[in-house]
Amino acid sequence: MPDYVAVAKTSEVADPGSMLVEVEDTLVVLIHAADHWYALDDVCTHDGGPLSDGPVDPEDKSIACPRHGAKFNVETGAGMTMPATKATVSHEVKVEGEQVFVKLAEE
Protein backbone atom coordinates (compact mmCIF):
# COMPACT_ATOMS: atom_id res chain seq x y z
CA MET A 1 0.00 0.00 0.00
CA PRO A 2 1.61 3.29 -1.07
CA ASP A 3 2.30 6.04 1.44
CA TYR A 4 2.71 9.78 1.05
CA VAL A 5 6.21 10.71 -0.10
CA ALA A 6 7.79 14.15 0.39
CA VAL A 7 8.54 15.53 -3.08
CA ALA A 8 9.08 19.32 -2.84
CA LYS A 9 8.87 22.48 -0.78
CA THR A 10 5.96 24.79 -1.54
CA SER A 11 8.42 27.56 -2.43
CA GLU A 12 9.93 25.45 -5.22
CA VAL A 13 6.90 25.56 -7.53
CA ALA A 14 5.45 28.84 -8.81
CA ASP A 15 1.69 29.38 -9.07
CA PRO A 16 0.91 28.56 -11.81
CA GLY A 17 3.71 26.10 -12.45
CA SER A 18 4.86 22.52 -12.38
CA MET A 19 7.82 20.39 -11.39
CA LEU A 20 8.94 16.91 -12.38
CA VAL A 21 9.36 14.63 -9.33
CA GLU A 22 9.95 10.94 -8.82
CA VAL A 23 7.72 8.96 -6.47
CA GLU A 24 8.59 5.29 -5.93
CA ASP A 25 10.18 4.97 -9.41
CA THR A 26 7.25 6.77 -11.09
CA LEU A 27 7.76 10.11 -12.86
CA VAL A 28 5.06 12.52 -11.71
CA VAL A 29 4.34 16.13 -12.65
CA LEU A 30 3.57 18.13 -9.50
CA ILE A 31 1.26 21.02 -10.41
CA HIS A 32 0.55 24.24 -8.49
CA ALA A 33 -2.41 26.17 -9.92
CA ALA A 34 -4.78 28.71 -8.38
CA ASP A 35 -3.48 27.94 -4.89
CA HIS A 36 -4.16 24.20 -5.25
CA TRP A 37 -1.76 21.26 -5.70
CA TYR A 38 -2.18 18.31 -8.07
CA ALA A 39 -0.10 15.38 -9.30
CA LEU A 40 -0.38 13.42 -12.54
CA ASP A 41 1.70 10.77 -14.25
CA ASP A 42 4.20 12.67 -16.41
CA VAL A 43 2.93 10.97 -19.56
CA CYS A 44 0.71 12.23 -22.36
CA THR A 45 -1.57 9.33 -23.27
CA HIS A 46 -1.44 10.37 -26.94
CA ASP A 47 2.26 9.78 -27.62
CA GLY A 48 4.06 9.54 -24.28
CA GLY A 49 5.26 13.15 -24.19
CA PRO A 50 6.35 14.73 -20.89
CA LEU A 51 3.50 16.78 -19.41
CA SER A 52 6.00 18.46 -17.06
CA ASP A 53 7.36 20.41 -20.06
CA GLY A 54 3.92 21.83 -20.91
CA PRO A 55 2.10 24.98 -19.77
CA VAL A 56 -0.35 25.02 -16.86
CA ASP A 57 -3.60 26.96 -17.28
CA PRO A 58 -5.17 27.68 -13.86
CA GLU A 59 -8.37 29.03 -15.42
CA ASP A 60 -9.40 25.79 -17.11
CA LYS A 61 -7.45 23.61 -14.64
CA SER A 62 -5.33 22.02 -17.35
CA ILE A 63 -1.81 21.12 -18.34
CA ALA A 64 -0.96 20.77 -22.03
CA CYS A 65 1.44 18.36 -23.67
CA PRO A 66 4.11 20.41 -25.45
CA ARG A 67 4.29 17.99 -28.38
CA HIS A 68 0.78 18.17 -29.87
CA GLY A 69 -1.19 20.35 -27.43
CA ALA A 70 -3.41 17.71 -25.83
CA LYS A 71 -4.80 19.10 -22.56
CA PHE A 72 -5.40 17.15 -19.37
CA ASN A 73 -7.52 18.10 -16.36
CA VAL A 74 -5.12 18.64 -13.44
CA GLU A 75 -7.70 17.40 -10.89
CA THR A 76 -8.68 14.13 -12.54
CA GLY A 77 -6.13 13.46 -15.29
CA ALA A 78 -8.96 13.28 -17.87
CA GLY A 79 -8.09 14.10 -21.46
CA MET A 80 -9.77 17.40 -22.33
CA THR A 81 -8.76 17.91 -25.96
CA MET A 82 -7.62 15.90 -28.93
CA PRO A 83 -5.38 14.19 -29.74
CA ALA A 84 -5.60 12.68 -26.22
CA THR A 85 -8.49 10.25 -25.88
CA LYS A 86 -7.50 8.58 -22.58
CA ALA A 87 -6.84 9.96 -19.12
CA THR A 88 -3.47 9.99 -17.44
CA VAL A 89 -3.23 8.83 -13.81
CA SER A 90 -4.04 11.33 -11.05
CA HIS A 91 -2.40 11.01 -7.61
CA GLU A 92 -3.24 12.36 -4.14
CA VAL A 93 -1.40 15.45 -2.87
CA LYS A 94 -1.24 16.96 0.59
CA VAL A 95 0.65 19.95 1.98
CA GLU A 96 1.91 20.11 5.54
CA GLY A 97 3.62 23.36 6.39
CA GLU A 98 6.15 24.00 3.61
CA GLN A 99 6.33 20.36 2.49
CA VAL A 100 4.38 18.86 -0.44
CA PHE A 101 3.62 15.12 -0.38
CA VAL A 102 2.32 12.79 -3.11
CA LYS A 103 0.66 9.41 -2.70
CA LEU A 104 0.57 7.24 -5.82
CA ALA A 105 -2.83 5.99 -6.94
CA GLU A 106 -3.54 2.31 -6.33
CA GLU A 107 -3.28 0.28 -9.53
C-alpha atoms as a PDB file:
ATOM      1  CA  MET A   1       0.000   0.000   0.000  1.00  0.00           C
ATOM      2  CA  PRO A   2       1.607   3.294  -1.066  1.00  0.00           C
ATOM      3  CA  ASP A   3       2.304   6.037   1.440  1.00  0.00           C
ATOM      4  CA  TYR A   4       2.706   9.779   1.048  1.00  0.00           C
ATOM      5  CA  VAL A   5       6.214  10.711  -0.096  1.00  0.00           C
ATOM      6  CA  ALA A   6       7.786  14.151   0.395  1.00  0.00           C
ATOM      7  CA  VAL A   7       8.545  15.534  -3.076  1.00  0.00           C
ATOM      8  CA  ALA A   8       9.079  19.319  -2.842  1.00  0.00           C
ATOM      9  CA  LYS A   9       8.874  22.477  -0.782  1.00  0.00           C
ATOM     10  CA  THR A  10       5.958  24.793  -1.543  1.00  0.00           C
ATOM     11  CA  SER A  11       8.419  27.557  -2.430  1.00  0.00           C
ATOM     12  CA  GLU A  12       9.935  25.445  -5.221  1.00  0.00           C
ATOM     13  CA  VAL A  13       6.898  25.561  -7.533  1.00  0.00           C
ATOM     14  CA  ALA A  14       5.449  28.839  -8.812  1.00  0.00           C
ATOM     15  CA  ASP A  15       1.686  29.376  -9.065  1.00  0.00           C
ATOM     16  CA  PRO A  16       0.906  28.556 -11.811  1.00  0.00           C
ATOM     17  CA  GLY A  17       3.708  26.105 -12.451  1.00  0.00           C
ATOM     18  CA  SER A  18       4.857  22.519 -12.375  1.00  0.00           C
ATOM     19  CA  MET A  19       7.820  20.394 -11.394  1.00  0.00           C
ATOM     20  CA  LEU A  20       8.941  16.909 -12.375  1.00  0.00           C
ATOM     21  CA  VAL A  21       9.361  14.635  -9.334  1.00  0.00           C
ATOM     22  CA  GLU A  22       9.951  10.936  -8.816  1.00  0.00           C
ATOM     23  CA  VAL A  23       7.719   8.962  -6.465  1.00  0.00           C
ATOM     24  CA  GLU A  24       8.589   5.293  -5.928  1.00  0.00           C
ATOM     25  CA  ASP A  25      10.180   4.973  -9.410  1.00  0.00           C
ATOM     26  CA  THR A  26       7.246   6.775 -11.090  1.00  0.00           C
ATOM     27  CA  LEU A  27       7.761  10.110 -12.857  1.00  0.00           C
ATOM     28  CA  VAL A  28       5.057  12.523 -11.706  1.00  0.00           C
ATOM     29  CA  VAL A  29       4.336  16.125 -12.648  1.00  0.00           C
ATOM     30  CA  LEU A  30       3.575  18.133  -9.504  1.00  0.00           C
ATOM     31  CA  ILE A  31       1.263  21.022 -10.413  1.00  0.00           C
ATOM     32  CA  HIS A  32       0.554  24.235  -8.495  1.00  0.00           C
ATOM     33  CA  ALA A  33      -2.406  26.169  -9.921  1.00  0.00           C
ATOM     34  CA  ALA A  34      -4.784  28.710  -8.380  1.00  0.00           C
ATOM     35  CA  ASP A  35      -3.478  27.944  -4.889  1.00  0.00           C
ATOM     36  CA  HIS A  36      -4.157  24.196  -5.247  1.00  0.00           C
ATOM     37  CA  TRP A  37      -1.763  21.259  -5.697  1.00  0.00           C
ATOM     38  CA  TYR A  38      -2.181  18.315  -8.071  1.00  0.00           C
ATOM     39  CA  ALA A  39      -0.104  15.378  -9.298  1.00  0.00           C
ATOM     40  CA  LEU A  40      -0.383  13.417 -12.544  1.00  0.00           C
ATOM     41  CA  ASP A  41       1.704  10.772 -14.255  1.00  0.00           C
ATOM     42  CA  ASP A  42       4.199  12.669 -16.406  1.00  0.00           C
ATOM     43  CA  VAL A  43       2.931  10.973 -19.559  1.00  0.00           C
ATOM     44  CA  CYS A  44       0.715  12.233 -22.355  1.00  0.00           C
ATOM     45  CA  THR A  45      -1.567   9.332 -23.274  1.00  0.00           C
ATOM     46  CA  HIS A  46      -1.436  10.368 -26.941  1.00  0.00           C
ATOM     47  CA  ASP A  47       2.261   9.778 -27.618  1.00  0.00           C
ATOM     48  CA  GLY A  48       4.062   9.540 -24.278  1.00  0.00           C
ATOM     49  CA  GLY A  49       5.265  13.146 -24.192  1.00  0.00           C
ATOM     50  CA  PRO A  50       6.349  14.727 -20.890  1.00  0.00           C
ATOM     51  CA  LEU A  51       3.505  16.776 -19.410  1.00  0.00           C
ATOM     52  CA  SER A  52       5.999  18.455 -17.064  1.00  0.00           C
ATOM     53  CA  ASP A  53       7.357  20.408 -20.061  1.00  0.00           C
ATOM     54  CA  GLY A  54       3.921  21.831 -20.908  1.00  0.00           C
ATOM     55  CA  PRO A  55       2.097  24.978 -19.770  1.00  0.00           C
ATOM     56  CA  VAL A  56      -0.345  25.015 -16.859  1.00  0.00           C
ATOM     57  CA  ASP A  57      -3.604  26.960 -17.278  1.00  0.00           C
ATOM     58  CA  PRO A  58      -5.168  27.676 -13.864  1.00  0.00           C
ATOM     59  CA  GLU A  59      -8.371  29.030 -15.419  1.00  0.00           C
ATOM     60  CA  ASP A  60      -9.402  25.791 -17.113  1.00  0.00           C
ATOM     61  CA  LYS A  61      -7.453  23.612 -14.639  1.00  0.00           C
ATOM     62  CA  SER A  62      -5.335  22.020 -17.348  1.00  0.00           C
ATOM     63  CA  ILE A  63      -1.812  21.115 -18.339  1.00  0.00           C
ATOM     64  CA  ALA A  64      -0.960  20.769 -22.030  1.00  0.00           C
ATOM     65  CA  CYS A  65       1.437  18.361 -23.671  1.00  0.00           C
ATOM     66  CA  PRO A  66       4.108  20.412 -25.449  1.00  0.00           C
ATOM     67  CA  ARG A  67       4.288  17.986 -28.385  1.00  0.00           C
ATOM     68  CA  HIS A  68       0.780  18.172 -29.867  1.00  0.00           C
ATOM     69  CA  GLY A  69      -1.192  20.347 -27.433  1.00  0.00           C
ATOM     70  CA  ALA A  70      -3.412  17.714 -25.828  1.00  0.00           C
ATOM     71  CA  LYS A  71      -4.796  19.102 -22.564  1.00  0.00           C
ATOM     72  CA  PHE A  72      -5.398  17.147 -19.368  1.00  0.00           C
ATOM     73  CA  ASN A  73      -7.519  18.098 -16.362  1.00  0.00           C
ATOM     74  CA  VAL A  74      -5.120  18.639 -13.444  1.00  0.00           C
ATOM     75  CA  GLU A  75      -7.701  17.403 -10.894  1.00  0.00           C
ATOM     76  CA  THR A  76      -8.679  14.126 -12.540  1.00  0.00           C
ATOM     77  CA  GLY A  77      -6.132  13.460 -15.294  1.00  0.00           C
ATOM     78  CA  ALA A  78      -8.958  13.281 -17.865  1.00  0.00           C
ATOM     79  CA  GLY A  79      -8.086  14.104 -21.456  1.00  0.00           C
ATOM     80  CA  MET A  80      -9.773  17.398 -22.329  1.00  0.00           C
ATOM     81  CA  THR A  81      -8.757  17.914 -25.962  1.00  0.00           C
ATOM     82  CA  MET A  82      -7.619  15.897 -28.931  1.00  0.00           C
ATOM     83  CA  PRO A  83      -5.381  14.187 -29.742  1.00  0.00           C
ATOM     84  CA  ALA A  84      -5.599  12.677 -26.221  1.00  0.00           C
ATOM     85  CA  THR A  85      -8.485  10.251 -25.877  1.00  0.00           C
ATOM     86  CA  LYS A  86      -7.505   8.582 -22.584  1.00  0.00           C
ATOM     87  CA  ALA A  87      -6.844   9.956 -19.120  1.00  0.00           C
ATOM     88  CA  THR A  88      -3.470   9.989 -17.438  1.00  0.00           C
ATOM     89  CA  VAL A  89      -3.231   8.828 -13.813  1.00  0.00           C
ATOM     90  CA  SER A  90      -4.040  11.325 -11.048  1.00  0.00           C
ATOM     91  CA  HIS A  91      -2.404  11.008  -7.613  1.00  0.00           C
ATOM     92  CA  GLU A  92      -3.236  12.364  -4.145  1.00  0.00           C
ATOM     93  CA  VAL A  93      -1.402  15.451  -2.868  1.00  0.00           C
ATOM     94  CA  LYS A  94      -1.237  16.962   0.593  1.00  0.00           C
ATOM     95  CA  VAL A  95       0.645  19.946   1.978  1.00  0.00           C
ATOM     96  CA  GLU A  96       1.910  20.107   5.539  1.00  0.00           C
ATOM     97  CA  GLY A  97       3.618  23.362   6.386  1.00  0.00           C
ATOM     98  CA  GLU A  98       6.147  24.000   3.609  1.00  0.00           C
ATOM     99  CA  GLN A  99       6.335  20.357   2.485  1.00  0.00           C
ATOM    100  CA  VAL A 100       4.378  18.857  -0.437  1.00  0.00           C
ATOM    101  CA  PHE A 101       3.625  15.123  -0.380  1.00  0.00           C
ATOM    102  CA  VAL A 102       2.318  12.786  -3.113  1.00  0.00           C
ATOM    103  CA  LYS A 103       0.664   9.406  -2.698  1.00  0.00           C
ATOM    104  CA  LEU A 104       0.565   7.242  -5.816  1.00  0.00           C
ATOM    105  CA  ALA A 105      -2.828   5.988  -6.937  1.00  0.00           C
ATOM    106  CA  GLU A 106      -3.543   2.306  -6.334  1.00  0.00           C
ATOM    107  CA  GLU A 107      -3.285   0.284  -9.528  1.00  0.00           C
END
